[in-house]
Protein backbone atom coordinates (compact mmCIF):
# COMPACT_ATOMS: atom_id res chain seq x y z
CA MET A 1 91.85 177.84 140.01
CA HIS A 2 92.03 177.65 143.91
CA LEU A 3 92.63 181.44 144.15
CA ARG A 4 89.59 182.19 142.05
CA ARG A 5 87.39 179.91 144.23
CA LEU A 6 88.82 181.52 147.34
CA LYS A 7 88.01 185.05 145.96
CA ARG A 8 84.51 183.90 145.40
CA ILE A 9 84.29 182.53 148.97
CA GLU A 10 85.71 185.86 150.22
CA GLY A 11 82.90 187.63 148.51
CA GLN A 12 80.36 185.30 149.99
CA VAL A 13 81.73 186.02 153.49
CA ARG A 14 81.46 189.80 152.80
CA GLY A 15 77.95 189.26 151.80
CA LEU A 16 77.33 187.35 155.18
CA GLU A 17 78.74 190.36 157.00
CA ARG A 18 76.39 192.66 155.11
CA MET A 19 73.40 190.39 155.90
CA VAL A 20 74.18 190.36 159.61
CA ASN A 21 74.76 194.18 159.66
CA GLU A 22 71.50 194.67 157.85
CA GLU A 23 69.78 192.18 160.29
CA LYS A 24 68.49 189.98 157.63
CA TYR A 25 66.34 186.86 158.50
CA CYS A 26 68.41 184.36 160.46
CA ILE A 27 67.57 181.45 158.33
CA ASP A 28 68.75 183.19 155.10
CA ILE A 29 72.00 183.92 156.96
CA LEU A 30 72.43 180.34 158.06
CA THR A 31 71.71 179.11 154.48
CA GLN A 32 74.61 181.37 153.30
CA VAL A 33 76.87 180.12 156.04
CA SER A 34 76.19 176.54 155.00
CA ALA A 35 77.11 177.42 151.41
CA VAL A 36 80.32 179.13 152.45
CA THR A 37 81.12 176.08 154.73
CA SER A 38 80.61 173.71 151.78
CA ALA A 39 82.60 175.78 149.43
CA LEU A 40 85.61 175.78 151.89
CA LYS A 41 85.26 171.98 152.40
CA SER A 42 85.44 171.56 148.63
CA VAL A 43 88.56 173.65 148.40
CA SER A 44 90.11 171.74 151.21
CA LEU A 45 89.47 168.39 149.61
CA GLU A 46 90.98 169.56 146.35
CA LEU A 47 94.10 170.84 148.09
CA LEU A 48 94.44 167.58 150.05
CA ALA A 49 94.02 165.50 146.89
CA GLU A 50 96.81 167.59 145.13
CA HIS A 51 98.93 167.18 148.24
CA MET A 52 98.56 163.42 148.29
CA SER A 53 99.06 163.03 144.52
CA HIS A 54 102.14 165.13 144.32
CA CYS A 55 103.91 165.69 147.64
CA VAL A 56 103.03 162.39 149.49
CA VAL A 57 103.70 160.30 146.30
CA ARG A 58 106.94 162.01 145.66
CA ALA A 59 108.00 161.44 149.30
CA ALA A 60 106.88 157.91 149.19
CA GLN A 61 108.94 157.18 146.16
CA ALA A 62 112.02 158.62 147.82
CA GLY A 63 111.37 156.57 150.96
CA GLY A 64 112.91 157.12 154.36
CA GLN A 65 111.89 159.56 157.03
CA GLU A 66 110.55 162.05 154.56
CA ALA A 67 107.91 159.55 153.40
CA GLN A 68 106.92 158.86 157.02
CA ASP A 69 106.70 162.53 157.71
CA LYS A 70 104.56 163.29 154.69
CA ILE A 71 102.16 160.38 155.50
CA THR A 72 101.87 161.51 159.07
CA GLU A 73 101.29 165.15 157.97
CA ALA A 74 98.48 164.06 155.49
CA ASN A 75 96.85 161.88 158.15
CA GLN A 76 96.72 164.84 160.49
CA ALA A 77 95.23 167.05 157.75
CA ILE A 78 92.55 164.45 157.11
CA ALA A 79 91.77 164.20 160.78
CA ARG A 80 91.46 168.05 161.02
CA LEU A 81 89.20 167.97 158.05
CA VAL A 82 87.03 165.19 159.47
CA LYS A 83 86.60 167.05 162.80
CA ALA A 84 85.53 170.29 161.04
């Protein structure tokens, strides 16, 4: 599912490149940039949710340093997403 969405996003980015090469109207390009950005954020959130529900939960159940490492890793990923 993620690969299919990423392929679609890749196509959108190629479309953006074409629009720039063809010197299309700036606002139209910006609208498409916004759509690509939104699509990437959506994929990022889905991947983060999967990571939390699988990797982090599994590590938390095991306990110890691995649990702390996975929680720290997830917090850092969330911080990067919030900044973007």
